[in-house]
Amino acid sequence: MNVFVIIAAFLLNCQFMMLTTLLPILIYNISNSTAYVGQVLIVFMIALLAVRVIFLKKKTSSVNLLLFGSISFLVGFIILYFLHETLSMYYVGSVFFGISLAILAPVLLTIMTSYSDKSSKNVGLYNSIVGVSSIISPYIGEKLYQCGISILNIVWLIGAVLLLAFTLIIIYFIVKNNRKIKNETTSINYKDLFTPQYRNIFIVLLLSSISYGAIISYLPVYLSIENTYISIGLYYFIFWSFYIIAQFFRSLILKKLTEKKVILACLVGLFIGEFLISLGSTIYIAILSAILYGFSYGLLYNVLYFKISKFDDEHIKSNGYAIVGLMSYVGVGLAPIFLYPFLNNIKTIFMFSTIYVLVAFIYFVFRKKEA
């Protein structure tokens, strides 16, 4: 079954990365405004956040979650296929994408780590899947977009259908083998997940992810209309390549440095990487930016996912993964709000988004001592 889970996770992340790469461009082409790009992403974030809050409070079987999430994903792409020239439909589609991603990403990761004794290794495997799909999908999406929106939407629709097919196969194996996530019928105690140790991490992630939100929301538009020295496909290729490389360095780095120093070093890497985007007058600066930001972002998330994987209760683990993953999506939604004063000059967005990384750094240095 793990093979099908891996394929499903790969398809999900491929589709989503193509979507996040091209959606800002598609919206900008219709509206000729970065404000609408931000609004659609805010709607996406609200839908994702609302679903995660609901499922933090209510237990639902992995079978039902997989089915509902994959159908919602397909509906979103059906809307884009038939109504991609209507701006309002991007708001509707973003609701379905927010719902599906809020459900599928943590459930697939939980299945990978629940049905194996190699939980921490599977965390690295999942992050590598995210990284590999993120490396190739922006470039593929960029080439499909150049072939025409109709072809792009057909490929997206086929991908969503395949994802539904593989989730049905996973459901079949779960039902056939009568497998359930451990502790599925017990009460959930989330106190361990919201101790100062984890609460501080979630706050740091939320603040620093606003800078990631700036990249996801505005870098595709910035590179497509104002710069020709590097394409968004190449930038993301380098970014996610080093995200993957970082997955293999956590154990080695943690042997040399404390966890606190590693997290602070990652924040420094995010700060410099994003600031370089605002200076991006040459391809070399852009490449250095992608390397620094990608490696730092990958290492930061690997360290935090590894901490969550140590929980025994699989529902707490699932929601821990969901909260860590949620921070990046919330950052995407918050970026247009907190960076609104700088939208008139898209280049300054990346310079000023580093403020939130700096705030995260200061907060983590001076946070209260963890219990």
Protein backbone atom coordinates (compact mmCIF):
# COMPACT_ATOMS: atom_id res chain seq x y z
CA MET A 1 0.00 0.00 0.00
CA ASN A 2 2.90 2.35 0.70
CA VAL A 3 3.67 2.47 -3.04
CA PHE A 4 0.20 3.85 -3.76
CA VAL A 5 0.50 6.35 -0.90
CA ILE A 6 3.80 7.57 -2.32
CA ILE A 7 2.28 7.92 -5.81
CA ALA A 8 -0.74 9.77 -4.39
CA ALA A 9 1.49 12.13 -2.39
CA PHE A 10 3.61 12.73 -5.49
CA LEU A 11 0.56 13.52 -7.66
CA LEU A 12 -0.92 15.80 -5.01
CA ASN A 13 2.26 17.82 -4.66
CA CYS A 14 2.93 17.93 -8.42
CA GLN A 15 -0.53 19.32 -9.08
CA PHE A 16 -0.35 21.75 -6.20
CA MET A 17 3.09 23.09 -7.12
CA MET A 18 2.04 23.66 -10.73
CA LEU A 19 -1.04 25.41 -9.41
CA THR A 20 0.86 27.70 -7.03
CA THR A 21 3.39 28.50 -9.75
CA LEU A 22 0.87 29.43 -12.43
CA LEU A 23 -2.23 30.56 -10.53
CA PRO A 24 -0.80 34.02 -9.72
CA ILE A 25 0.09 34.49 -13.40
CA LEU A 26 -3.34 33.33 -14.59
CA ILE A 27 -5.12 35.67 -12.18
CA TYR A 28 -2.83 38.57 -13.04
CA ASN A 29 -3.43 38.04 -16.77
CA ILE A 30 -7.18 38.33 -16.23
CA SER A 31 -7.21 41.16 -13.70
CA ASN A 32 -3.90 42.97 -14.38
CA SER A 33 -3.63 43.45 -10.62
CA THR A 34 -1.56 41.81 -7.90
CA ALA A 35 -4.34 42.67 -5.42
CA TYR A 36 -6.63 40.01 -6.89
CA VAL A 37 -3.81 37.46 -6.68
CA GLY A 38 -3.61 38.14 -2.96
CA GLN A 39 -7.38 37.96 -2.49
CA VAL A 40 -7.67 34.53 -4.12
CA LEU A 41 -4.84 33.21 -1.95
CA ILE A 42 -6.51 34.64 1.16
CA VAL A 43 -9.70 32.72 0.29
CA PHE A 44 -7.59 29.59 -0.16
CA MET A 45 -6.00 30.11 3.25
CA ILE A 46 -9.33 30.69 5.00
CA ALA A 47 -10.80 27.49 3.53
CA LEU A 48 -7.72 25.48 4.49
CA LEU A 49 -7.61 26.92 8.00
CA ALA A 50 -11.33 26.38 8.60
CA VAL A 51 -11.12 22.72 7.57
CA ARG A 52 -8.08 22.07 9.76
CA VAL A 53 -9.79 23.68 12.78
CA ILE A 54 -12.85 21.48 12.23
CA PHE A 55 -10.82 18.29 12.04
CA LEU A 56 -8.70 19.26 15.04
CA LYS A 57 -11.90 19.06 17.08
CA LYS A 58 -13.65 16.19 15.33
CA LYS A 59 -12.39 12.71 14.60
CA THR A 60 -13.01 11.37 11.13
CA SER A 61 -11.77 8.12 9.63
CA SER A 62 -8.87 8.21 7.20
CA VAL A 63 -11.11 6.55 4.58
CA ASN A 64 -13.67 9.35 4.66
CA LEU A 65 -10.97 12.00 4.68
CA LEU A 66 -9.20 10.51 1.65
CA LEU A 67 -12.43 10.27 -0.32
CA PHE A 68 -13.70 13.74 0.53
CA GLY A 69 -10.30 15.37 -0.01
CA SER A 70 -9.62 13.79 -3.41
CA ILE A 71 -13.13 14.59 -4.70
CA SER A 72 -12.77 18.22 -3.59
CA PHE A 73 -9.43 18.40 -5.41
CA LEU A 74 -11.04 17.11 -8.61
CA VAL A 75 -13.93 19.57 -8.35
CA GLY A 76 -11.48 22.47 -8.11
CA PHE A 77 -9.80 21.50 -11.38
CA ILE A 78 -13.14 20.90 -13.10
CA ILE A 79 -14.05 24.50 -12.26
CA LEU A 80 -10.77 25.77 -13.72
CA TYR A 81 -11.18 23.63 -16.82
CA PHE A 82 -14.58 25.02 -17.76
CA LEU A 83 -14.41 28.54 -16.28
CA HIS A 84 -10.74 29.55 -16.35
CA GLU A 85 -11.54 32.90 -18.01
CA THR A 86 -13.89 33.99 -15.22
CA LEU A 87 -12.09 35.70 -12.32
CA SER A 88 -14.77 34.91 -9.74
CA MET A 89 -14.36 31.17 -10.38
CA TYR A 90 -10.78 31.32 -9.11
CA TYR A 91 -12.19 32.29 -5.72
CA VAL A 92 -14.55 29.30 -5.82
CA GLY A 93 -11.82 26.96 -7.02
CA SER A 94 -9.46 28.12 -4.28
CA VAL A 95 -12.03 27.03 -1.67
CA PHE A 96 -11.99 23.45 -3.00
CA PHE A 97 -8.19 23.46 -3.24
CA GLY A 98 -7.92 24.71 0.34
CA ILE A 99 -10.29 22.00 1.58
CA SER A 100 -8.53 19.20 -0.29
CA LEU A 101 -4.99 20.18 0.67
CA ALA A 102 -5.96 20.67 4.32
CA ILE A 103 -7.21 17.08 4.37
CA LEU A 104 -5.01 15.08 2.00
CA ALA A 105 -1.51 16.27 2.91
CA PRO A 106 -1.58 15.36 6.64
CA VAL A 107 -3.62 12.18 6.10
CA LEU A 108 -1.20 10.78 3.51
CA LEU A 109 1.76 11.62 5.74
CA THR A 110 0.07 10.00 8.73
CA ILE A 111 -0.64 6.81 6.74
CA MET A 112 3.02 6.66 5.70
CA THR A 113 4.23 6.97 9.30
CA SER A 114 1.49 4.88 10.95
CA TYR A 115 1.86 1.64 9.02
CA SER A 116 5.63 1.44 9.34
CA ASP A 117 8.20 1.03 12.09
CA LYS A 118 10.45 3.51 10.29
CA SER A 119 8.45 6.61 11.14
CA SER A 120 11.29 9.14 11.07
CA LYS A 121 12.67 7.72 7.82
CA ASN A 122 9.24 8.03 6.20
CA VAL A 123 9.07 11.67 7.29
CA GLY A 124 12.23 12.26 5.29
CA LEU A 125 10.77 10.22 2.41
CA TYR A 126 7.61 12.33 2.40
CA ASN A 127 9.60 15.56 2.43
CA SER A 128 11.70 14.20 -0.43
CA ILE A 129 8.51 13.41 -2.38
CA VAL A 130 7.41 16.99 -1.82
CA GLY A 131 10.81 18.19 -2.94
CA VAL A 132 11.07 16.01 -6.08
CA SER A 133 7.56 16.92 -7.23
CA SER A 134 8.30 20.56 -6.50
CA ILE A 135 11.49 20.44 -8.57
CA ILE A 136 9.92 19.13 -11.75
CA SER A 137 6.35 20.42 -11.62
CA PRO A 138 6.98 24.21 -11.88
CA TYR A 139 9.14 23.64 -14.96
CA ILE A 140 6.58 21.25 -16.48
CA GLY A 141 3.77 23.66 -15.63
CA GLU A 142 5.66 26.55 -17.22
CA LYS A 143 6.12 24.57 -20.46
CA LEU A 144 2.47 23.48 -20.49
CA TYR A 145 1.39 27.08 -19.96
CA GLN A 146 3.47 28.10 -22.96
CA CYS A 147 1.62 25.44 -25.00
CA GLY A 148 -1.72 26.99 -24.08
CA ILE A 149 -4.11 27.20 -21.13
CA SER A 150 -6.41 24.54 -22.64
CA ILE A 151 -3.62 21.94 -22.65
CA LEU A 152 -2.58 22.95 -19.14
CA ASN A 153 -6.12 22.52 -17.81
CA ILE A 154 -6.48 19.10 -19.49
CA VAL A 155 -3.27 17.88 -17.85
CA TRP A 156 -4.42 19.24 -14.49
CA LEU A 157 -7.78 17.49 -14.85
CA ILE A 158 -6.13 14.17 -15.75
CA GLY A 159 -3.82 14.49 -12.75
CA ALA A 160 -6.75 15.10 -10.40
CA VAL A 161 -8.59 12.05 -11.78
CA LEU A 162 -5.47 9.90 -11.28
CA LEU A 163 -5.15 11.16 -7.71
CA LEU A 164 -8.74 10.13 -7.02
CA ALA A 165 -8.05 6.71 -8.54
CA PHE A 166 -5.01 6.10 -6.34
CA THR A 167 -6.78 7.27 -3.19
CA LEU A 168 -9.55 4.77 -3.97
CA ILE A 169 -6.90 2.05 -4.20
CA ILE A 170 -5.48 3.12 -0.83
CA ILE A 171 -8.99 3.06 0.65
CA TYR A 172 -9.48 -0.45 -0.76
CA PHE A 173 -6.36 -1.73 1.02
CA ILE A 174 -7.30 -0.01 4.28
CA VAL A 175 -10.78 -1.56 4.25
CA LYS A 176 -9.56 -4.95 3.00
CA ASN A 177 -6.95 -5.28 5.72
CA ASN A 178 -9.20 -3.66 8.32
CA ARG A 179 -6.42 -1.22 9.11
CA LYS A 180 -7.07 1.72 11.33
CA ILE A 181 -4.83 4.49 12.52
CA LYS A 182 -3.62 3.69 15.99
CA ASN A 183 -5.72 5.07 18.85
CA GLU A 184 -8.50 6.02 16.41
CA THR A 185 -11.20 5.27 18.98
CA THR A 186 -9.53 6.83 22.00
CA SER A 187 -9.99 10.38 23.23
CA ILE A 188 -7.52 12.95 21.99
CA ASN A 189 -5.38 14.99 24.37
CA TYR A 190 -3.75 17.89 22.55
CA LYS A 191 -2.02 19.36 25.60
CA ASP A 192 1.29 17.78 24.61
CA LEU A 193 1.03 19.40 21.18
CA PHE A 194 0.59 22.89 22.64
CA THR A 195 3.29 22.90 25.29
CA PRO A 196 5.60 25.96 25.12
CA GLN A 197 8.10 23.84 23.19
CA TYR A 198 5.74 23.31 20.26
CA ARG A 199 3.79 26.53 20.61
CA ASN A 200 6.99 28.54 20.13
CA ILE A 201 7.79 26.53 17.00
CA PHE A 202 4.34 27.15 15.53
CA ILE A 203 4.70 30.91 16.12
CA VAL A 204 8.14 30.99 14.48
CA LEU A 205 6.78 29.04 11.51
CA LEU A 206 3.82 31.36 11.14
CA LEU A 207 5.97 34.50 11.12
CA SER A 208 8.67 33.16 8.82
CA SER A 209 6.12 31.65 6.44
CA ILE A 210 4.88 35.12 5.52
CA SER A 211 8.15 35.49 3.61
CA TYR A 212 7.46 32.16 1.90
CA GLY A 213 3.98 33.45 1.10
CA ALA A 214 5.54 36.44 -0.64
CA ILE A 215 7.57 34.11 -2.87
CA ILE A 216 4.61 31.89 -3.73
CA SER A 217 2.20 34.78 -4.28
CA TYR A 218 4.32 37.31 -6.13
CA LEU A 219 7.57 35.84 -7.43
CA PRO A 220 5.92 34.18 -10.49
CA VAL A 221 4.37 37.53 -11.47
CA TYR A 222 7.56 39.46 -10.67
CA LEU A 223 9.74 37.24 -12.85
CA SER A 224 7.21 37.09 -15.68
CA ILE A 225 6.65 40.85 -16.08
CA GLU A 226 9.80 42.56 -14.83
CA ASN A 227 12.75 40.21 -15.24
CA THR A 228 14.16 37.93 -17.89
CA TYR A 229 17.40 36.80 -16.21
CA ILE A 230 15.79 33.69 -14.69
CA SER A 231 12.45 31.93 -15.21
CA ILE A 232 10.19 30.91 -12.36
CA GLY A 233 10.62 27.29 -13.43
CA LEU A 234 14.41 27.47 -13.06
CA TYR A 235 14.21 29.35 -9.74
CA TYR A 236 11.87 26.75 -8.27
CA PHE A 237 14.00 23.93 -9.73
CA ILE A 238 17.03 25.19 -7.77
CA PHE A 239 14.93 26.09 -4.72
CA TRP A 240 13.38 22.63 -4.36
CA SER A 241 16.57 20.79 -5.32
CA PHE A 242 18.24 22.23 -2.25
CA TYR A 243 15.08 21.60 -0.24
CA ILE A 244 15.62 17.90 -0.97
CA ILE A 245 19.34 18.05 -0.25
CA ALA A 246 18.52 19.49 3.18
CA GLN A 247 16.52 16.34 4.03
CA PHE A 248 19.74 14.32 4.17
CA PHE A 249 21.63 16.73 6.43
CA ARG A 250 19.36 16.98 9.51
CA SER A 251 20.96 14.12 11.44
CA LEU A 252 24.48 15.26 10.59
CA ILE A 253 23.82 18.90 11.45
CA LEU A 254 22.05 18.08 14.73
CA LYS A 255 25.13 16.12 15.81
CA LYS A 256 27.18 19.30 15.46
CA LEU A 257 24.69 21.95 16.57
CA THR A 258 21.83 22.21 19.04
CA GLU A 259 18.30 22.28 17.70
CA LYS A 260 17.95 25.94 18.71
CA LYS A 261 21.06 26.94 16.73
CA VAL A 262 19.86 24.99 13.69
CA ILE A 263 16.48 26.75 13.72
CA LEU A 264 18.13 30.16 14.10
CA ALA A 265 20.57 29.38 11.29
CA CYS A 266 17.61 28.42 9.09
CA LEU A 267 15.93 31.75 9.81
CA VAL A 268 19.12 33.59 8.86
CA GLY A 269 19.19 31.63 5.58
CA LEU A 270 15.56 32.57 4.88
CA PHE A 271 16.27 36.23 5.59
CA ILE A 272 19.29 36.46 3.28
CA GLY A 273 17.68 34.32 0.56
CA GLU A 274 14.60 36.50 0.33
CA PHE A 275 16.47 39.78 0.60
CA LEU A 276 18.59 38.74 -2.37
CA ILE A 277 15.44 38.51 -4.52
CA SER A 278 14.95 42.25 -4.16
CA LEU A 279 18.52 42.74 -5.42
CA GLY A 280 18.03 40.27 -8.28
CA SER A 281 19.76 42.02 -11.14
CA THR A 282 21.79 38.97 -12.22
CA ILE A 283 21.20 35.26 -12.56
CA TYR A 284 23.94 34.56 -10.00
CA ILE A 285 22.14 36.48 -7.25
CA ALA A 286 18.89 34.70 -8.12
CA ILE A 287 20.59 31.28 -7.97
CA LEU A 288 22.20 32.10 -4.61
CA SER A 289 18.80 33.22 -3.33
CA ALA A 290 17.16 29.95 -4.43
CA ILE A 291 19.96 27.86 -2.85
CA LEU A 292 19.90 29.65 0.50
CA TYR A 293 16.13 29.82 0.83
CA GLY A 294 15.51 26.27 -0.42
CA PHE A 295 18.08 24.63 1.86
CA SER A 296 17.04 26.65 4.92
CA TYR A 297 13.34 26.04 4.33
CA GLY A 298 13.85 22.30 3.79
CA LEU A 299 16.02 21.88 6.87
CA LEU A 300 13.67 23.89 9.08
CA TYR A 301 10.67 21.78 8.12
CA ASN A 302 12.56 18.49 8.39
CA VAL A 303 13.63 19.31 11.94
CA LEU A 304 10.07 20.22 12.93
CA TYR A 305 8.40 17.25 11.23
CA PHE A 306 10.90 14.99 12.99
CA LYS A 307 9.88 16.43 16.36
CA ILE A 308 6.22 15.76 15.61
CA SER A 309 6.96 12.17 14.50
CA LYS A 310 8.01 11.32 18.08
CA PHE A 311 4.39 11.45 19.32
CA ASP A 312 2.87 8.01 19.93
CA ASP A 313 -0.77 9.02 19.46
CA GLU A 314 -1.36 9.02 15.70
CA HIS A 315 -4.20 11.56 15.85
CA ILE A 316 -1.97 14.02 17.69
CA LYS A 317 0.79 13.22 15.21
CA SER A 318 -1.54 13.79 12.25
CA ASN A 319 -2.72 17.12 13.57
CA GLY A 320 0.83 18.07 14.47
CA TYR A 321 1.86 17.47 10.86
CA ALA A 322 -1.19 19.42 9.77
CA ILE A 323 -0.34 22.42 11.95
CA VAL A 324 3.30 22.49 10.82
CA GLY A 325 2.23 22.21 7.19
CA LEU A 326 -0.58 24.66 7.78
CA MET A 327 1.82 27.42 8.74
CA SER A 328 3.21 27.67 5.20
CA TYR A 329 -0.29 27.91 3.74
CA VAL A 330 -1.38 30.46 6.32
CA GLY A 331 1.74 32.40 5.42
CA VAL A 332 0.63 32.38 1.79
CA GLY A 333 -2.72 33.78 2.86
CA LEU A 334 -1.33 36.35 5.29
CA ALA A 335 1.37 37.66 2.96
CA PRO A 336 -1.05 39.73 0.82
CA ILE A 337 -2.51 41.24 4.01
CA PHE A 338 0.72 42.08 5.84
CA LEU A 339 2.52 43.15 2.66
CA TYR A 340 -0.37 45.20 1.27
CA PRO A 341 1.37 48.61 1.72
CA PHE A 342 4.14 47.44 -0.64
CA LEU A 343 2.05 46.01 -3.47
CA ASN A 344 2.44 49.13 -5.63
CA ASN A 345 6.08 48.22 -6.16
CA ILE A 346 6.31 44.46 -6.47
CA LYS A 347 10.09 44.44 -6.07
CA THR A 348 9.89 45.92 -2.57
CA ILE A 349 7.57 43.12 -1.44
CA PHE A 350 10.48 40.72 -1.04
CA MET A 351 12.64 43.25 0.77
CA PHE A 352 10.00 44.09 3.35
CA SER A 353 8.78 40.51 3.81
CA THR A 354 12.13 39.78 5.48
CA ILE A 355 10.88 41.87 8.42
CA TYR A 356 8.72 38.94 9.51
CA VAL A 357 11.67 36.53 9.38
CA LEU A 358 13.58 38.98 11.55
CA VAL A 359 10.69 39.13 14.02
CA ALA A 360 10.62 35.30 14.10
CA PHE A 361 14.38 35.26 14.80
CA ILE A 362 14.07 37.77 17.65
CA TYR A 363 11.06 35.96 19.11
CA PHE A 364 12.85 32.60 19.08
CA VAL A 365 15.96 34.05 20.72
CA PHE A 366 14.05 35.75 23.53
CA ARG A 367 11.16 33.29 23.93
CA LYS A 368 10.30 31.96 27.36
CA LYS A 369 12.24 28.93 28.45
CA GLU A 370 10.59 25.78 27.17
CA ALA A 371 9.00 23.50 29.72
